[in-house]
Each structure stands twice: as structure tokens, then as C-alpha cells.
Amino acid sequence: MRNLPNETRSKPLDRTPHRKCILTGESLSQEELVRLAIGPDGQIAPDVRAKAPGRGAWIGVNRVALDIALVKGQLKAALSRAFKTGPLDIPEDLADRLEKALERGTLDRLGLEARGGTLLTGSEKIETAARRDELSMLLHASDAGKDGSSKLSQAWRVGSDREGQDLHGITLPVDRQGLSVALGRQNVVHIGIIDKRAASRVSQMLTRWLRFIDPDDLQDDAEKKVA
């Protein structure tokens, strides 16, 4: 993750916990992985917040790779090695459940930030904040108009004195109706996050979701769009 402003270490100290993906064997930061939890009767379920009690295993693959691992029995074998326990109950729709859990986690995070007052909705409010260099992250609904999104991105570049740079908002894989429900507000088309720590919290959930569903279209990763 990018250092926040005023952090000037030449060699940043990575304090993020690392875990090993049970499918690839690759060691990654915990923020790049998703935890699978095992229930008392061997049920396997997504634990995207990594808070479920008991033992867990970590995966860092995308939706396509997980589906293949399920069909070929690779996930079952990896989980058996990780848990060293009795029979496992792995749902056939685990990838669907995981995708929905990542979506829900991201939208819940946005809802919490809305209630905490760390984000703005409404084009005029967001544009004003952008031109004052008060914007840390810019998000758009999937059905947002291209002109409106481009206008806000331009205001952000001008306000942060980064004209000519590739700084733009992230188009979410959810429409305005879904965002409106998540935030408890009407007609949410654009979201401007005005707190750096809030933007970091959102980017952690959002990046994992985007990596899972469409790793080839990350828009340079959500975390790289945090100002």
C-alpha cells in the first residue's frame, strides 16, 4: 500500500501480516488474501473480515482459478492439508458465496463511512471538495454517465495540482440503486471520500473484490487511486 503523505522512509517497513495461499503457495500480505473458515462439522465458508472463530486457511486466487480448483479437487486437497481434520463440506457455489461476501463487505464499509461522515455524495459537493484538494478517493456507480464522471475526475486533478496525470475515479461493479441502498441515501451516482484513513479502509476491501472478479481490469488497483 502507498505510504501516506509525510511518511518519508526510504525503505518502508511492512508491518502488514503475511499469509501463504494454500493453492499457489505464494506468501502475500493479508490484505491481498481471503480467509476461508471451517465450521464445527467441516463446513467451509468465506470469512472476508477474517474474524470468524476457529481455524482458517487463506487463498489469493481469482474467481476463475477458484472455480477450476473446485472442479479439479485441488481446493479440497489443499484444505485437507491445511486443516488436517475430518471430512470437509465445501459448497459447490463457494465462488459465488465468496464474490457476494466481498461485494457485501465493500458496500458495508461504504455504509459505515457514510454514517461516519467521511464521504460525500452529490456531484456539486464532490466537485467542490475536489477543487479544494479535499478528496482522497472518487467512486462512480456502474451506470454513471461518462461526462459526469470525467468532469469530477478533471476537478480532482486540477484541485490536487495533478493536471495531465492519470488520476481518475473508480467505476464500481454496482449500479446507483445498489449504492443508494448501501449508503441509505437517494440516487447515489458518485462518491467522494474526504478522509485518507477512510479511503484506505475502503480500498482494502474494494481491491480484493476487484481482484477476485476481474483481475485484468483493476483500474490500476483501488489503492492506487487513493490520494
Protein backbone atom coordinates (compact mmCIF):
# COMPACT_ATOMS: atom_id res chain seq x y z
CA MET A 1 0.00 0.00 0.00
CA ARG A 2 1.22 3.52 -0.68
CA ASN A 3 2.65 5.48 2.21
CA LEU A 4 0.50 8.31 3.45
CA PRO A 5 1.84 11.84 3.00
CA ASN A 6 4.70 12.86 5.34
CA GLU A 7 5.98 9.26 5.51
CA THR A 8 9.49 9.64 4.12
CA ARG A 9 11.13 6.30 4.85
CA SER A 10 13.47 5.29 2.02
CA LYS A 11 12.72 1.65 2.78
CA PRO A 12 9.18 1.43 4.16
CA LEU A 13 8.75 -1.08 6.96
CA ASP A 14 6.00 -3.52 6.00
CA ARG A 15 4.13 -4.38 9.18
CA THR A 16 1.25 -6.00 7.31
CA PRO A 17 0.81 -9.66 8.32
CA HIS A 18 1.64 -12.13 5.56
CA ARG A 19 -0.02 -15.47 4.92
CA LYS A 20 0.53 -18.24 2.41
CA CYS A 21 -2.09 -19.01 -0.22
CA ILE A 22 -2.94 -22.70 0.15
CA LEU A 23 -3.50 -23.06 -3.60
CA THR A 24 -0.42 -21.32 -5.02
CA GLY A 25 1.97 -21.45 -2.07
CA GLU A 26 2.70 -17.76 -2.59
CA SER A 27 3.22 -15.60 0.51
CA LEU A 28 1.18 -12.42 0.26
CA SER A 29 0.06 -9.66 2.57
CA GLN A 30 -3.12 -10.48 4.44
CA GLU A 31 -4.85 -7.64 2.60
CA GLU A 32 -4.38 -9.50 -0.69
CA LEU A 33 -5.87 -12.74 0.58
CA VAL A 34 -9.27 -14.03 1.64
CA ARG A 35 -9.77 -16.30 4.62
CA LEU A 36 -11.82 -19.48 4.43
CA ALA A 37 -13.15 -20.63 7.77
CA ILE A 38 -14.05 -24.16 8.82
CA GLY A 39 -17.17 -24.80 10.88
CA PRO A 40 -17.65 -27.40 13.62
CA ASP A 41 -18.90 -30.02 11.15
CA GLY A 42 -16.31 -29.31 8.47
CA GLN A 43 -18.32 -26.66 6.60
CA ILE A 44 -16.17 -24.27 4.58
CA ALA A 45 -17.36 -20.67 4.29
CA PRO A 46 -15.86 -17.31 3.21
CA ASP A 47 -14.62 -15.12 6.06
CA VAL A 48 -13.76 -11.88 4.27
CA ARG A 49 -13.36 -9.93 7.51
CA ALA A 50 -11.12 -12.65 8.96
CA LYS A 51 -12.98 -12.61 12.25
CA ALA A 52 -14.70 -15.98 12.39
CA PRO A 53 -13.58 -18.10 15.37
CA GLY A 54 -11.55 -21.24 14.95
CA ARG A 55 -9.12 -22.24 12.26
CA GLY A 56 -8.88 -20.74 8.80
CA ALA A 57 -6.98 -21.03 5.54
CA TRP A 58 -6.05 -18.29 3.10
CA ILE A 59 -6.45 -18.05 -0.67
CA GLY A 60 -5.23 -15.38 -3.08
CA VAL A 61 -6.62 -16.50 -6.41
CA ASN A 62 -9.27 -15.02 -8.68
CA ARG A 63 -12.74 -16.34 -9.45
CA VAL A 64 -11.68 -18.36 -12.49
CA ALA A 65 -8.81 -20.05 -10.67
CA LEU A 66 -11.01 -20.87 -7.68
CA ASP A 67 -13.67 -22.45 -9.90
CA ILE A 68 -11.00 -24.61 -11.55
CA ALA A 69 -9.56 -25.61 -8.18
CA LEU A 70 -13.04 -26.62 -7.02
CA VAL A 71 -13.78 -28.74 -10.08
CA LYS A 72 -10.39 -30.48 -10.07
CA GLY A 73 -10.46 -31.17 -6.34
CA GLN A 74 -7.37 -29.02 -5.76
CA LEU A 75 -9.12 -26.84 -3.18
CA LYS A 76 -10.32 -29.85 -1.20
CA ALA A 77 -6.83 -31.32 -1.18
CA ALA A 78 -5.28 -28.01 -0.11
CA LEU A 79 -7.84 -27.53 2.67
CA SER A 80 -7.32 -31.09 3.89
CA ARG A 81 -3.59 -30.43 4.18
CA ALA A 82 -4.19 -27.11 5.92
CA PHE A 83 -6.74 -28.30 8.47
CA LYS A 84 -5.65 -31.94 8.92
CA THR A 85 -9.11 -32.76 10.15
CA GLY A 86 -12.09 -34.95 9.23
CA PRO A 87 -14.39 -34.72 6.20
CA LEU A 88 -14.86 -31.30 4.65
CA ASP A 89 -18.12 -29.82 3.40
CA ILE A 90 -17.21 -27.49 0.54
CA PRO A 91 -20.25 -25.90 -1.13
CA GLU A 92 -20.33 -26.15 -4.92
CA ASP A 93 -21.19 -22.46 -5.11
CA LEU A 94 -18.28 -21.35 -2.91
CA ALA A 95 -17.03 -18.93 -5.58
CA ASP A 96 -20.48 -17.30 -5.77
CA ARG A 97 -20.61 -17.01 -2.00
CA LEU A 98 -17.16 -15.51 -1.87
CA GLU A 99 -17.92 -12.96 -4.57
CA LYS A 100 -21.12 -11.92 -2.80
CA ALA A 101 -19.29 -11.70 0.52
CA LEU A 102 -16.62 -9.44 -0.96
CA GLU A 103 -19.28 -7.23 -2.53
CA ARG A 104 -21.20 -7.08 0.72
CA GLY A 105 -18.07 -6.28 2.68
CA THR A 106 -17.21 -3.38 0.37
CA LEU A 107 -20.73 -1.94 0.42
CA ASP A 108 -20.97 -2.34 4.19
CA ARG A 109 -17.67 -0.47 4.52
CA LEU A 110 -19.05 2.37 2.40
CA GLY A 111 -22.19 2.42 4.52
CA LEU A 112 -20.12 2.75 7.69
CA GLU A 113 -18.11 5.60 6.18
CA ALA A 114 -21.34 7.34 5.15
CA ARG A 115 -22.62 7.16 8.70
CA GLY A 116 -19.26 8.35 9.97
CA GLY A 117 -19.33 11.44 7.77
CA THR A 118 -16.16 10.61 5.85
CA LEU A 119 -17.70 10.65 2.38
CA LEU A 120 -19.78 12.90 0.17
CA THR A 121 -22.49 12.20 -2.38
CA GLY A 122 -23.87 14.58 -4.97
CA SER A 123 -21.87 15.90 -7.90
CA GLU A 124 -21.76 19.53 -6.74
CA LYS A 125 -20.46 18.69 -3.26
CA ILE A 126 -17.87 16.30 -4.63
CA GLU A 127 -16.70 18.76 -7.28
CA THR A 128 -16.28 21.49 -4.66
CA ALA A 129 -14.25 19.18 -2.42
CA ALA A 130 -12.16 18.05 -5.39
CA ARG A 131 -11.28 21.61 -6.42
CA ARG A 132 -10.30 22.38 -2.80
CA ASP A 133 -7.97 19.36 -2.78
CA GLU A 134 -10.06 17.71 -0.07
CA LEU A 135 -10.74 14.50 -1.99
CA SER A 136 -8.94 11.25 -1.16
CA MET A 137 -10.91 8.82 -3.33
CA LEU A 138 -13.51 9.06 -6.08
CA LEU A 139 -16.01 6.30 -6.93
CA HIS A 140 -18.73 6.01 -9.58
CA ALA A 141 -21.76 3.76 -9.98
CA SER A 142 -21.62 1.36 -12.92
CA ASP A 143 -24.43 3.29 -14.63
CA ALA A 144 -22.96 6.74 -14.03
CA GLY A 145 -22.76 8.98 -17.09
CA LYS A 146 -19.33 9.23 -18.68
CA ASP A 147 -19.47 13.03 -18.89
CA GLY A 148 -20.32 13.45 -15.21
CA SER A 149 -17.57 11.05 -14.12
CA SER A 150 -15.00 12.75 -16.36
CA LYS A 151 -15.94 16.18 -15.03
CA LEU A 152 -15.36 15.10 -11.42
CA SER A 153 -12.06 13.44 -12.29
CA GLN A 154 -10.92 16.61 -14.03
CA ALA A 155 -11.86 18.71 -10.98
CA TRP A 156 -9.86 16.31 -8.81
CA ARG A 157 -6.77 16.61 -11.00
CA VAL A 158 -6.99 20.40 -11.06
CA GLY A 159 -7.61 20.70 -7.32
CA SER A 160 -4.72 18.41 -6.42
CA ASP A 161 -2.40 20.10 -8.93
CA ARG A 162 -2.01 16.91 -10.96
CA GLU A 163 -3.29 18.14 -14.28
CA GLY A 164 -2.14 15.85 -17.07
CA GLN A 165 -1.67 12.86 -14.77
CA ASP A 166 -3.71 9.65 -14.88
CA LEU A 167 -5.80 10.40 -11.81
CA HIS A 168 -9.43 9.38 -12.11
CA GLY A 169 -12.22 7.74 -10.19
CA ILE A 170 -13.05 4.04 -9.98
CA THR A 171 -16.19 2.70 -11.60
CA LEU A 172 -17.70 0.17 -9.21
CA PRO A 173 -19.37 -3.06 -10.36
CA VAL A 174 -22.63 -1.95 -8.75
CA ASP A 175 -25.27 0.46 -10.02
CA ARG A 176 -26.72 3.57 -8.39
CA GLN A 177 -29.60 1.65 -6.87
CA GLY A 178 -27.19 -0.71 -5.08
CA LEU A 179 -25.09 2.20 -3.84
CA SER A 180 -28.16 4.08 -2.66
CA VAL A 181 -29.29 1.11 -0.59
CA ALA A 182 -25.81 0.58 0.85
CA LEU A 183 -25.42 4.20 1.91
CA GLY A 184 -29.01 4.80 2.94
CA ARG A 185 -29.23 7.80 0.62
CA GLN A 186 -31.15 8.61 -2.53
CA ASN A 187 -29.73 8.43 -6.05
CA VAL A 188 -26.07 7.80 -5.21
CA VAL A 189 -24.21 8.05 -8.53
CA HIS A 190 -20.82 9.36 -7.34
CA ILE A 191 -19.00 9.04 -4.03
CA GLY A 192 -16.17 11.25 -2.84
CA ILE A 193 -14.20 10.11 0.19
CA ILE A 194 -12.68 13.02 2.08
CA ASP A 195 -10.71 11.22 4.78
CA LYS A 196 -7.41 9.47 3.96
CA ARG A 197 -7.85 6.72 6.53
CA ALA A 198 -11.39 6.07 5.32
CA ALA A 199 -10.11 5.87 1.74
CA SER A 200 -7.52 3.33 2.84
CA ARG A 201 -10.15 1.22 4.58
CA VAL A 202 -12.37 1.24 1.51
CA SER A 203 -9.50 0.48 -0.86
CA GLN A 204 -8.53 -2.63 1.10
CA MET A 205 -11.98 -4.18 0.68
CA LEU A 206 -12.53 -2.89 -2.85
CA THR A 207 -9.18 -4.06 -4.22
CA ARG A 208 -9.75 -7.61 -3.01
CA TRP A 209 -13.22 -7.62 -4.60
CA LEU A 210 -11.93 -6.33 -7.94
CA ARG A 211 -9.01 -8.73 -7.96
CA PHE A 212 -11.33 -11.65 -7.39
CA ILE A 213 -13.95 -10.84 -10.00
CA ASP A 214 -11.86 -9.23 -12.75
CA PRO A 215 -8.08 -9.25 -12.15
CA ASP A 216 -7.36 -7.94 -15.66
CA ASP A 217 -9.41 -4.77 -15.16
CA LEU A 218 -8.34 -3.38 -11.80
CA GLN A 219 -8.12 0.22 -12.99
CA ASP A 220 -4.56 0.17 -11.56
CA ASP A 221 -5.90 -1.24 -8.27
CA ALA A 222 -8.22 0.65 -5.98
CA GLU A 223 -5.46 1.52 -3.57
CA LYS A 224 -3.53 3.38 -6.27
CA LYS A 225 -6.48 5.76 -6.62
CA VAL A 226 -6.18 6.94 -3.02
CA ALA A 227 -4.77 10.47 -2.98
